Amino acid sequence: MATLERTYTVPLRQGFRKSPKYYRTNRAVTTLRAFLARHMKAPDDKIAIGQHLNEELWRNGIRHPPARVSVTVRKFDDGTVQAELAGKTYKGAIKPEARREEPQGIKERLQAAVGGKKEATPEALPDETPAEPAPEKSDAPVKKTVVKKAARKVAKKTAKAPSS
C-alpha cells in the first residue's frame, strides 16, 4: 500500500549540462535518482524507475535527454520508491530473453555451418577404451580435413560477393 504519492516536475538540464554529449542521458538518470532520493527521503538503491519514464528519458538517444520530466512517485511502507511518467501506471523493467549459445571461434562456426561432429565429452566416452597402437608415419600426403574444406568454401563465397 502506497503511503505517499506525489507528482514532481524534475529539472534535469542542470544535471547533464556540463557532461559530455555521449554521457548526457546517463547523467540525467543519475540526476533523477538523486532528486527522488532527496525529496522522497529514500536511499538511492530503493528507487525504481518505471518503463515509461525510462523510455521517455532515452527517446531522443544518449545525447539529447529531455530538459525536464513530470513524474508520479509512490513511496511504500517498506521504503521502496516507484517513479513513473505522469499519467502512466507503473510498469517494471522487462527482462531480456536469454541468449542462446552461438559458436564463438572460426573453427566452431565452420563446424556448425558444415554440420561437423562435436568433440566428445569425458562423460560420453566409455569407461575403458582399448589401447590402440600408434600408426606409423608414412611419406604419403595428409588428406585435408573437413574444417579446411569448409574454410575454403566460406572464402569462395565471400570472394564472390557482389561489390558495389
N, C-alpha and C. Protein backbone atom coordinates (compact mmCIF):
# COMPACT_ATOMS: atom_id res chain seq x y z
N MET A 1 0.84 -1.17 0.00
CA MET A 1 0.00 0.00 0.00
C MET A 1 0.89 1.24 0.00
N ALA A 2 0.59 2.13 -0.90
CA ALA A 2 1.37 3.35 -1.01
C ALA A 2 1.00 4.29 0.14
N THR A 3 1.99 4.70 0.87
CA THR A 3 1.74 5.63 1.96
C THR A 3 1.83 7.06 1.48
N LEU A 4 2.57 7.28 0.42
CA LEU A 4 2.81 8.63 -0.04
C LEU A 4 2.86 8.64 -1.57
N GLU A 5 2.08 9.51 -2.19
CA GLU A 5 2.10 9.64 -3.64
C GLU A 5 2.18 11.12 -3.99
N ARG A 6 3.17 11.47 -4.80
CA ARG A 6 3.38 12.87 -5.19
C ARG A 6 3.69 12.95 -6.68
N THR A 7 3.47 14.12 -7.24
CA THR A 7 3.82 14.39 -8.63
C THR A 7 4.84 15.52 -8.65
N TYR A 8 5.94 15.30 -9.31
CA TYR A 8 7.02 16.28 -9.40
C TYR A 8 7.32 16.58 -10.86
N THR A 9 7.78 17.81 -11.11
CA THR A 9 8.41 18.14 -12.38
C THR A 9 9.89 18.26 -12.07
N VAL A 10 10.65 17.30 -12.55
CA VAL A 10 12.07 17.20 -12.20
C VAL A 10 12.91 17.93 -13.25
N PRO A 11 13.68 18.95 -12.83
CA PRO A 11 14.58 19.63 -13.77
C PRO A 11 15.84 18.79 -13.97
N LEU A 12 16.10 18.41 -15.19
CA LEU A 12 17.25 17.55 -15.48
C LEU A 12 18.40 18.29 -16.13
N ARG A 13 18.13 19.45 -16.74
CA ARG A 13 19.14 20.13 -17.56
C ARG A 13 20.39 20.50 -16.76
N GLN A 14 20.22 20.99 -15.53
CA GLN A 14 21.40 21.38 -14.76
C GLN A 14 22.29 20.18 -14.45
N GLY A 15 21.68 19.02 -14.33
CA GLY A 15 22.47 17.84 -14.03
C GLY A 15 23.33 17.37 -15.18
N PHE A 16 22.80 17.45 -16.41
CA PHE A 16 23.57 16.91 -17.54
C PHE A 16 24.23 17.98 -18.39
N ARG A 17 24.04 19.25 -18.06
CA ARG A 17 24.51 20.33 -18.93
C ARG A 17 26.01 20.32 -19.15
N LYS A 18 26.79 20.09 -18.11
CA LYS A 18 28.25 20.16 -18.26
C LYS A 18 28.90 18.81 -18.52
N SER A 19 28.09 17.79 -18.72
CA SER A 19 28.68 16.49 -19.02
C SER A 19 28.83 16.36 -20.54
N PRO A 20 29.73 15.50 -20.99
CA PRO A 20 29.90 15.34 -22.43
C PRO A 20 28.65 14.78 -23.08
N LYS A 21 28.47 15.06 -24.36
CA LYS A 21 27.24 14.67 -25.06
C LYS A 21 27.01 13.18 -25.06
N TYR A 22 28.08 12.40 -25.11
CA TYR A 22 27.92 10.96 -25.17
C TYR A 22 27.55 10.35 -23.82
N TYR A 23 27.33 11.18 -22.79
CA TYR A 23 27.03 10.68 -21.46
C TYR A 23 25.80 11.37 -20.86
N ARG A 24 25.13 12.21 -21.64
CA ARG A 24 24.11 13.07 -21.07
C ARG A 24 22.88 12.35 -20.52
N THR A 25 22.34 11.39 -21.21
CA THR A 25 21.14 10.72 -20.70
C THR A 25 21.47 9.88 -19.48
N ASN A 26 22.66 9.29 -19.44
CA ASN A 26 23.07 8.58 -18.23
C ASN A 26 23.10 9.55 -17.04
N ARG A 27 23.62 10.75 -17.27
CA ARG A 27 23.69 11.75 -16.21
C ARG A 27 22.30 12.22 -15.83
N ALA A 28 21.38 12.29 -16.79
CA ALA A 28 20.01 12.69 -16.49
C ALA A 28 19.32 11.65 -15.60
N VAL A 29 19.57 10.38 -15.83
CA VAL A 29 19.01 9.33 -14.98
C VAL A 29 19.58 9.44 -13.57
N THR A 30 20.88 9.70 -13.45
CA THR A 30 21.51 9.89 -12.15
C THR A 30 20.92 11.09 -11.43
N THR A 31 20.68 12.18 -12.17
CA THR A 31 20.08 13.38 -11.59
C THR A 31 18.67 13.10 -11.11
N LEU A 32 17.90 12.35 -11.89
CA LEU A 32 16.54 11.98 -11.49
C LEU A 32 16.55 11.16 -10.21
N ARG A 33 17.44 10.18 -10.13
CA ARG A 33 17.53 9.37 -8.92
C ARG A 33 17.93 10.20 -7.71
N ALA A 34 18.87 11.11 -7.89
CA ALA A 34 19.30 11.97 -6.78
C ALA A 34 18.15 12.87 -6.32
N PHE A 35 17.39 13.42 -7.26
CA PHE A 35 16.24 14.26 -6.94
C PHE A 35 15.21 13.47 -6.13
N LEU A 36 14.90 12.26 -6.59
CA LEU A 36 13.90 11.45 -5.91
C LEU A 36 14.39 10.99 -4.54
N ALA A 37 15.67 10.69 -4.42
CA ALA A 37 16.22 10.30 -3.12
C ALA A 37 16.13 11.45 -2.13
N ARG A 38 16.38 12.66 -2.59
CA ARG A 38 16.33 13.83 -1.70
C ARG A 38 14.90 14.16 -1.31
N HIS A 39 13.97 14.15 -2.26
CA HIS A 39 12.60 14.58 -1.97
C HIS A 39 11.74 13.50 -1.33
N MET A 40 12.04 12.25 -1.59
CA MET A 40 11.25 11.17 -1.00
C MET A 40 11.94 10.55 0.23
N LYS A 41 13.12 11.06 0.57
CA LYS A 41 13.87 10.59 1.74
C LYS A 41 14.06 9.07 1.70
N ALA A 42 14.61 8.61 0.61
CA ALA A 42 14.84 7.19 0.42
C ALA A 42 16.26 6.98 -0.10
N PRO A 43 16.88 5.85 0.22
CA PRO A 43 18.21 5.58 -0.34
C PRO A 43 18.13 5.35 -1.85
N ASP A 44 19.23 5.60 -2.52
CA ASP A 44 19.28 5.54 -3.98
C ASP A 44 18.98 4.13 -4.51
N ASP A 45 19.37 3.09 -3.78
CA ASP A 45 19.17 1.73 -4.26
C ASP A 45 17.72 1.26 -4.10
N LYS A 46 16.88 2.01 -3.41
CA LYS A 46 15.47 1.64 -3.23
C LYS A 46 14.56 2.33 -4.24
N ILE A 47 15.14 3.08 -5.17
CA ILE A 47 14.34 3.81 -6.15
C ILE A 47 14.25 2.99 -7.44
N ALA A 48 13.01 2.77 -7.90
CA ALA A 48 12.78 2.02 -9.14
C ALA A 48 12.16 2.96 -10.16
N ILE A 49 12.80 3.04 -11.34
CA ILE A 49 12.30 3.89 -12.42
C ILE A 49 11.46 3.02 -13.34
N GLY A 50 10.24 3.46 -13.64
CA GLY A 50 9.32 2.69 -14.46
C GLY A 50 9.72 2.67 -15.92
N GLN A 51 9.13 1.75 -16.65
CA GLN A 51 9.46 1.55 -18.05
C GLN A 51 9.11 2.77 -18.91
N HIS A 52 7.94 3.37 -18.69
CA HIS A 52 7.53 4.52 -19.50
C HIS A 52 8.45 5.71 -19.26
N LEU A 53 8.84 5.92 -18.01
CA LEU A 53 9.75 7.02 -17.68
C LEU A 53 11.12 6.78 -18.31
N ASN A 54 11.60 5.57 -18.24
CA ASN A 54 12.89 5.24 -18.84
C ASN A 54 12.85 5.45 -20.35
N GLU A 55 11.77 5.02 -20.99
CA GLU A 55 11.66 5.22 -22.44
C GLU A 55 11.59 6.69 -22.80
N GLU A 56 10.95 7.49 -21.96
CA GLU A 56 10.87 8.94 -22.21
C GLU A 56 12.26 9.58 -22.09
N LEU A 57 13.03 9.14 -21.12
CA LEU A 57 14.38 9.70 -20.96
C LEU A 57 15.28 9.34 -22.15
N TRP A 58 15.13 8.13 -22.66
CA TRP A 58 16.01 7.66 -23.73
C TRP A 58 15.42 7.85 -25.12
N ARG A 59 14.27 8.51 -25.24
CA ARG A 59 13.58 8.64 -26.53
C ARG A 59 14.43 9.30 -27.59
N ASN A 60 15.18 10.33 -27.25
CA ASN A 60 16.00 11.04 -28.23
C ASN A 60 17.46 10.59 -28.23
N GLY A 61 17.73 9.49 -27.60
CA GLY A 61 19.09 8.96 -27.60
C GLY A 61 19.91 9.42 -26.42
N ILE A 62 21.18 9.07 -26.45
CA ILE A 62 22.05 9.36 -25.32
C ILE A 62 22.49 10.82 -25.30
N ARG A 63 22.44 11.50 -26.43
CA ARG A 63 22.95 12.87 -26.49
C ARG A 63 21.92 13.94 -26.17
N HIS A 64 20.63 13.63 -26.29
CA HIS A 64 19.60 14.67 -26.14
C HIS A 64 18.49 14.24 -25.19
N PRO A 65 18.76 14.21 -23.88
CA PRO A 65 17.68 13.88 -22.94
C PRO A 65 16.74 15.07 -22.79
N PRO A 66 15.54 14.87 -22.25
CA PRO A 66 14.63 15.99 -22.05
C PRO A 66 15.16 16.91 -20.94
N ALA A 67 14.82 18.18 -21.03
CA ALA A 67 15.30 19.15 -20.03
C ALA A 67 14.59 18.97 -18.70
N ARG A 68 13.33 18.59 -18.73
CA ARG A 68 12.56 18.33 -17.51
C ARG A 68 11.56 17.24 -17.81
N VAL A 69 11.11 16.58 -16.76
CA VAL A 69 10.16 15.49 -16.93
C VAL A 69 9.22 15.48 -15.72
N SER A 70 7.92 15.26 -15.98
CA SER A 70 6.94 15.17 -14.91
C SER A 70 6.78 13.71 -14.52
N VAL A 71 6.91 13.45 -13.22
CA VAL A 71 6.85 12.07 -12.73
C VAL A 71 5.85 11.96 -11.59
N THR A 72 5.24 10.79 -11.48
CA THR A 72 4.41 10.45 -10.34
C THR A 72 5.20 9.45 -9.52
N VAL A 73 5.35 9.75 -8.22
CA VAL A 73 6.22 8.95 -7.37
C VAL A 73 5.39 8.38 -6.23
N ARG A 74 5.58 7.10 -5.96
CA ARG A 74 4.92 6.44 -4.83
C ARG A 74 5.97 5.87 -3.90
N LYS A 75 5.80 6.14 -2.59
CA LYS A 75 6.68 5.56 -1.58
C LYS A 75 5.87 4.58 -0.75
N PHE A 76 6.39 3.36 -0.61
CA PHE A 76 5.69 2.31 0.10
C PHE A 76 6.19 2.21 1.54
N ASP A 77 5.48 1.41 2.34
CA ASP A 77 5.81 1.26 3.75
C ASP A 77 7.21 0.69 3.98
N ASP A 78 7.65 -0.18 3.10
CA ASP A 78 8.98 -0.79 3.27
C ASP A 78 10.11 0.11 2.81
N GLY A 79 9.80 1.31 2.31
CA GLY A 79 10.83 2.28 1.92
C GLY A 79 11.16 2.28 0.45
N THR A 80 10.55 1.40 -0.34
CA THR A 80 10.83 1.41 -1.78
C THR A 80 10.05 2.55 -2.44
N VAL A 81 10.63 3.08 -3.48
CA VAL A 81 10.04 4.20 -4.21
C VAL A 81 9.91 3.79 -5.67
N GLN A 82 8.72 4.00 -6.24
CA GLN A 82 8.48 3.73 -7.65
C GLN A 82 8.18 5.05 -8.35
N ALA A 83 8.93 5.34 -9.41
CA ALA A 83 8.72 6.55 -10.19
C ALA A 83 8.26 6.16 -11.58
N GLU A 84 7.24 6.87 -12.07
CA GLU A 84 6.71 6.60 -13.40
C GLU A 84 6.33 7.93 -14.03
N LEU A 85 6.29 7.95 -15.35
CA LEU A 85 5.90 9.13 -16.10
C LEU A 85 4.50 9.55 -15.65
N ALA A 86 4.27 10.84 -15.50
CA ALA A 86 2.97 11.33 -15.03
C ALA A 86 1.87 10.88 -15.98
N GLY A 87 0.79 10.34 -15.43
CA GLY A 87 -0.33 9.88 -16.22
C GLY A 87 -0.24 8.42 -16.63
N LYS A 88 0.84 7.75 -16.32
CA LYS A 88 1.02 6.34 -16.67
C LYS A 88 1.04 5.51 -15.39
N THR A 89 0.66 4.24 -15.51
CA THR A 89 0.75 3.34 -14.36
C THR A 89 2.12 2.69 -14.38
N TYR A 90 2.61 2.38 -13.17
CA TYR A 90 3.95 1.82 -13.05
C TYR A 90 4.04 0.47 -13.73
N LYS A 91 5.08 0.32 -14.52
CA LYS A 91 5.36 -0.94 -15.20
C LYS A 91 6.85 -1.19 -15.01
N GLY A 92 7.17 -2.29 -14.34
CA GLY A 92 8.57 -2.59 -14.03
C GLY A 92 9.39 -2.87 -15.26
N ALA A 93 10.65 -3.09 -15.03
CA ALA A 93 11.59 -3.35 -16.12
C ALA A 93 11.29 -4.70 -16.76
N ILE A 94 11.51 -4.78 -18.06
CA ILE A 94 11.32 -6.02 -18.80
C ILE A 94 12.67 -6.71 -18.89
N LYS A 95 12.70 -7.97 -18.49
CA LYS A 95 13.94 -8.74 -18.55
C LYS A 95 14.15 -9.23 -19.99
N PRO A 96 15.35 -9.05 -20.53
CA PRO A 96 15.60 -9.54 -21.88
C PRO A 96 15.64 -11.06 -21.90
N GLU A 97 15.31 -11.64 -23.05
CA GLU A 97 15.32 -13.08 -23.19
C GLU A 97 16.76 -13.59 -23.14
N ALA A 98 16.92 -14.79 -22.63
CA ALA A 98 18.25 -15.38 -22.55
C ALA A 98 18.76 -15.66 -23.96
N ARG A 99 20.00 -15.31 -24.19
CA ARG A 99 20.59 -15.55 -25.50
C ARG A 99 21.01 -16.99 -25.61
N ARG A 100 20.81 -17.55 -26.78
CA ARG A 100 21.27 -18.91 -26.98
C ARG A 100 22.76 -18.88 -27.29
N GLU A 101 23.41 -19.94 -26.95
CA GLU A 101 24.85 -20.03 -27.13
C GLU A 101 25.19 -20.19 -28.61
N GLU A 102 25.97 -19.28 -29.12
CA GLU A 102 26.40 -19.36 -30.52
C GLU A 102 27.90 -19.65 -30.56
N PRO A 103 28.36 -20.35 -31.59
CA PRO A 103 29.79 -20.66 -31.68
C PRO A 103 30.60 -19.37 -31.75
N GLN A 104 31.69 -19.32 -31.01
CA GLN A 104 32.49 -18.10 -30.94
C GLN A 104 33.63 -18.08 -31.94
N GLY A 105 34.44 -19.12 -31.97
CA GLY A 105 35.62 -19.12 -32.83
C GLY A 105 35.30 -19.52 -34.26
N ILE A 106 36.26 -19.33 -35.14
CA ILE A 106 36.07 -19.66 -36.55
C ILE A 106 35.89 -21.16 -36.72
N LYS A 107 36.62 -21.94 -35.92
CA LYS A 107 36.51 -23.39 -36.04
C LYS A 107 35.10 -23.85 -35.67
N GLU A 108 34.56 -23.31 -34.57
CA GLU A 108 33.22 -23.70 -34.14
C GLU A 108 32.16 -23.24 -35.14
N ARG A 109 32.32 -22.04 -35.68
CA ARG A 109 31.35 -21.54 -36.66
C ARG A 109 31.36 -22.39 -37.93
N LEU A 110 32.55 -22.78 -38.37
CA LEU A 110 32.64 -23.61 -39.57
C LEU A 110 32.06 -25.00 -39.33
N GLN A 111 32.33 -25.56 -38.15
CA GLN A 111 31.76 -26.87 -37.85
C GLN A 111 30.25 -26.80 -37.76
N ALA A 112 29.72 -25.71 -37.22
CA ALA A 112 28.27 -25.55 -37.14
C ALA A 112 27.67 -25.39 -38.54
N ALA A 113 28.38 -24.68 -39.44
CA ALA A 113 27.88 -24.47 -40.79
C ALA A 113 27.90 -25.77 -41.60
N VAL A 114 28.94 -26.55 -41.42
CA VAL A 114 29.08 -27.78 -42.16
C VAL A 114 28.27 -28.90 -41.51
N GLY A 115 28.02 -28.76 -40.22
CA GLY A 115 27.30 -29.82 -39.51
C GLY A 115 28.26 -30.89 -39.05
N GLY A 116 29.48 -30.49 -38.77
CA GLY A 116 30.51 -31.44 -38.36
C GLY A 116 30.25 -32.00 -36.98
N LYS A 117 31.06 -32.96 -36.62
CA LYS A 117 30.87 -33.61 -35.33
C LYS A 117 31.35 -32.70 -34.22
N LYS A 118 30.74 -32.88 -33.06
CA LYS A 118 31.17 -32.14 -31.88
C LYS A 118 32.20 -32.98 -31.14
N GLU A 119 33.02 -32.30 -30.36
CA GLU A 119 34.04 -33.02 -29.61
C GLU A 119 33.38 -33.85 -28.53
N ALA A 120 33.91 -35.01 -28.29
CA ALA A 120 33.35 -35.91 -27.29
C ALA A 120 33.71 -35.42 -25.90
N THR A 121 32.73 -35.46 -25.01
CA THR A 121 32.98 -35.08 -23.63
C THR A 121 33.45 -36.31 -22.86
N PRO A 122 34.13 -36.11 -21.74
CA PRO A 122 34.60 -37.27 -20.98
C PRO A 122 33.45 -38.15 -20.50
N GLU A 123 32.26 -37.58 -20.26
CA GLU A 123 31.13 -38.37 -19.80
C GLU A 123 30.63 -39.28 -20.92
N ALA A 124 30.77 -38.86 -22.17
CA ALA A 124 30.25 -39.63 -23.29
C ALA A 124 31.18 -40.79 -23.66
N LEU A 125 32.42 -40.72 -23.24
CA LEU A 125 33.37 -41.78 -23.58
C LEU A 125 33.14 -43.00 -22.70
N PRO A 126 33.36 -44.20 -23.20
CA PRO A 126 33.23 -45.38 -22.34
C PRO A 126 34.32 -45.37 -21.28
N ASP A 127 34.06 -46.11 -20.19
CA ASP A 127 35.00 -46.12 -19.07
C ASP A 127 36.36 -46.68 -19.46
N GLU A 128 36.35 -47.80 -20.18
CA GLU A 128 37.61 -48.40 -20.56
C GLU A 128 37.73 -48.38 -22.09
N THR A 129 38.72 -47.72 -22.56
CA THR A 129 38.95 -47.70 -24.00
C THR A 129 40.16 -48.57 -24.30
N PRO A 130 40.09 -49.43 -25.31
CA PRO A 130 41.24 -50.28 -25.62
C PRO A 130 42.38 -49.43 -26.17
N ALA A 131 43.56 -49.75 -25.74
CA ALA A 131 44.74 -49.01 -26.19
C ALA A 131 45.09 -49.48 -27.60
N GLU A 132 45.12 -48.54 -28.53
CA GLU A 132 45.46 -48.86 -29.91
C GLU A 132 46.90 -48.45 -30.16
N PRO A 133 47.62 -49.23 -30.91
CA PRO A 133 48.99 -48.84 -31.22
C PRO A 133 48.97 -47.62 -32.14
N ALA A 134 49.92 -46.72 -31.92
CA ALA A 134 50.00 -45.52 -32.73
C ALA A 134 50.39 -45.89 -34.15
N PRO A 135 49.70 -45.33 -35.16
CA PRO A 135 50.05 -45.66 -36.55
C PRO A 135 51.42 -45.07 -36.90
N GLU A 136 52.14 -45.82 -37.71
CA GLU A 136 53.45 -45.35 -38.12
C GLU A 136 53.29 -44.24 -39.16
N LYS A 137 54.21 -43.32 -39.12
CA LYS A 137 54.15 -42.21 -40.06
C LYS A 137 54.61 -42.69 -41.43
N SER A 138 53.91 -42.20 -42.43
CA SER A 138 54.31 -42.57 -43.78
C SER A 138 54.59 -41.29 -44.56
N ASP A 139 55.16 -41.45 -45.71
CA ASP A 139 55.51 -40.31 -46.53
C ASP A 139 54.35 -39.84 -47.39
N ALA A 140 53.20 -40.52 -47.29
CA ALA A 140 52.03 -40.14 -48.09
C ALA A 140 51.50 -38.78 -47.60
N PRO A 141 50.99 -37.95 -48.55
CA PRO A 141 50.48 -36.64 -48.14
C PRO A 141 49.22 -36.80 -47.27
N VAL A 142 49.07 -35.88 -46.34
CA VAL A 142 47.95 -35.92 -45.41
C VAL A 142 46.71 -35.34 -46.10
N LYS A 143 45.55 -36.01 -45.93
CA LYS A 143 44.32 -35.53 -46.54
C LYS A 143 43.84 -34.29 -45.80
N LYS A 144 43.19 -33.42 -46.53
CA LYS A 144 42.68 -32.20 -45.92
C LYS A 144 41.47 -32.52 -45.06
N THR A 145 41.32 -31.79 -43.98
CA THR A 145 40.21 -32.05 -43.06
C THR A 145 38.96 -31.34 -43.52
N VAL A 146 37.87 -31.71 -42.92
CA VAL A 146 36.58 -31.11 -43.25
C VAL A 146 36.59 -29.62 -42.95
N VAL A 147 37.25 -29.24 -41.87
CA VAL A 147 37.28 -27.84 -41.47
C VAL A 147 37.99 -27.00 -42.52
N LYS A 148 39.08 -27.50 -43.08
CA LYS A 148 39.81 -26.74 -44.09
C LYS A 148 38.98 -26.59 -45.36
N LYS A 149 38.25 -27.66 -45.73
CA LYS A 149 37.39 -27.57 -46.90
C LYS A 149 36.29 -26.55 -46.69
N ALA A 150 35.71 -26.57 -45.51
CA ALA A 150 34.66 -25.60 -45.21
C ALA A 150 35.20 -24.18 -45.21
N ALA A 151 36.43 -24.02 -44.75
CA ALA A 151 37.04 -22.69 -44.75
C ALA A 151 37.23 -22.19 -46.17
N ARG A 152 37.60 -23.11 -47.08
CA ARG A 152 37.75 -22.71 -48.47
C ARG A 152 36.42 -22.31 -49.08
N LYS A 153 35.35 -23.06 -48.74
CA LYS A 153 34.02 -22.73 -49.27
C LYS A 153 33.58 -21.36 -48.80
N VAL A 154 33.81 -21.06 -47.52
CA VAL A 154 33.43 -19.76 -46.98
C VAL A 154 34.24 -18.66 -47.66
N ALA A 155 35.53 -18.91 -47.89
CA ALA A 155 36.37 -17.91 -48.55
C ALA A 155 35.90 -17.65 -49.97
N LYS A 156 35.48 -18.71 -50.69
CA LYS A 156 34.97 -18.53 -52.05
C LYS A 156 33.69 -17.73 -52.06
N LYS A 157 32.80 -18.02 -51.11
CA LYS A 157 31.52 -17.28 -51.05
C LYS A 157 31.76 -15.82 -50.78
N THR A 158 32.68 -15.49 -49.87
CA THR A 158 32.95 -14.07 -49.59
C THR A 158 33.66 -13.40 -50.76
N ALA A 159 34.47 -14.15 -51.52
CA ALA A 159 35.16 -13.56 -52.66
C ALA A 159 34.19 -13.30 -53.80
N LYS A 160 33.13 -14.14 -53.92
CA LYS A 160 32.14 -13.97 -54.99
C LYS A 160 31.08 -12.95 -54.64
N ALA A 161 31.11 -12.38 -53.44
CA ALA A 161 30.09 -11.42 -53.04
C ALA A 161 30.10 -10.24 -53.99
N PRO A 162 28.92 -9.77 -54.40
CA PRO A 162 28.86 -8.66 -55.35
C PRO A 162 29.41 -7.39 -54.73
N SER A 163 30.24 -6.70 -55.48
CA SER A 163 30.79 -5.44 -54.98
C SER A 163 29.95 -4.27 -55.47
N SER A 164 29.85 -3.25 -54.62
CA SER A 164 29.01 -2.11 -55.01
C SER A 164 29.77 -1.08 -55.74
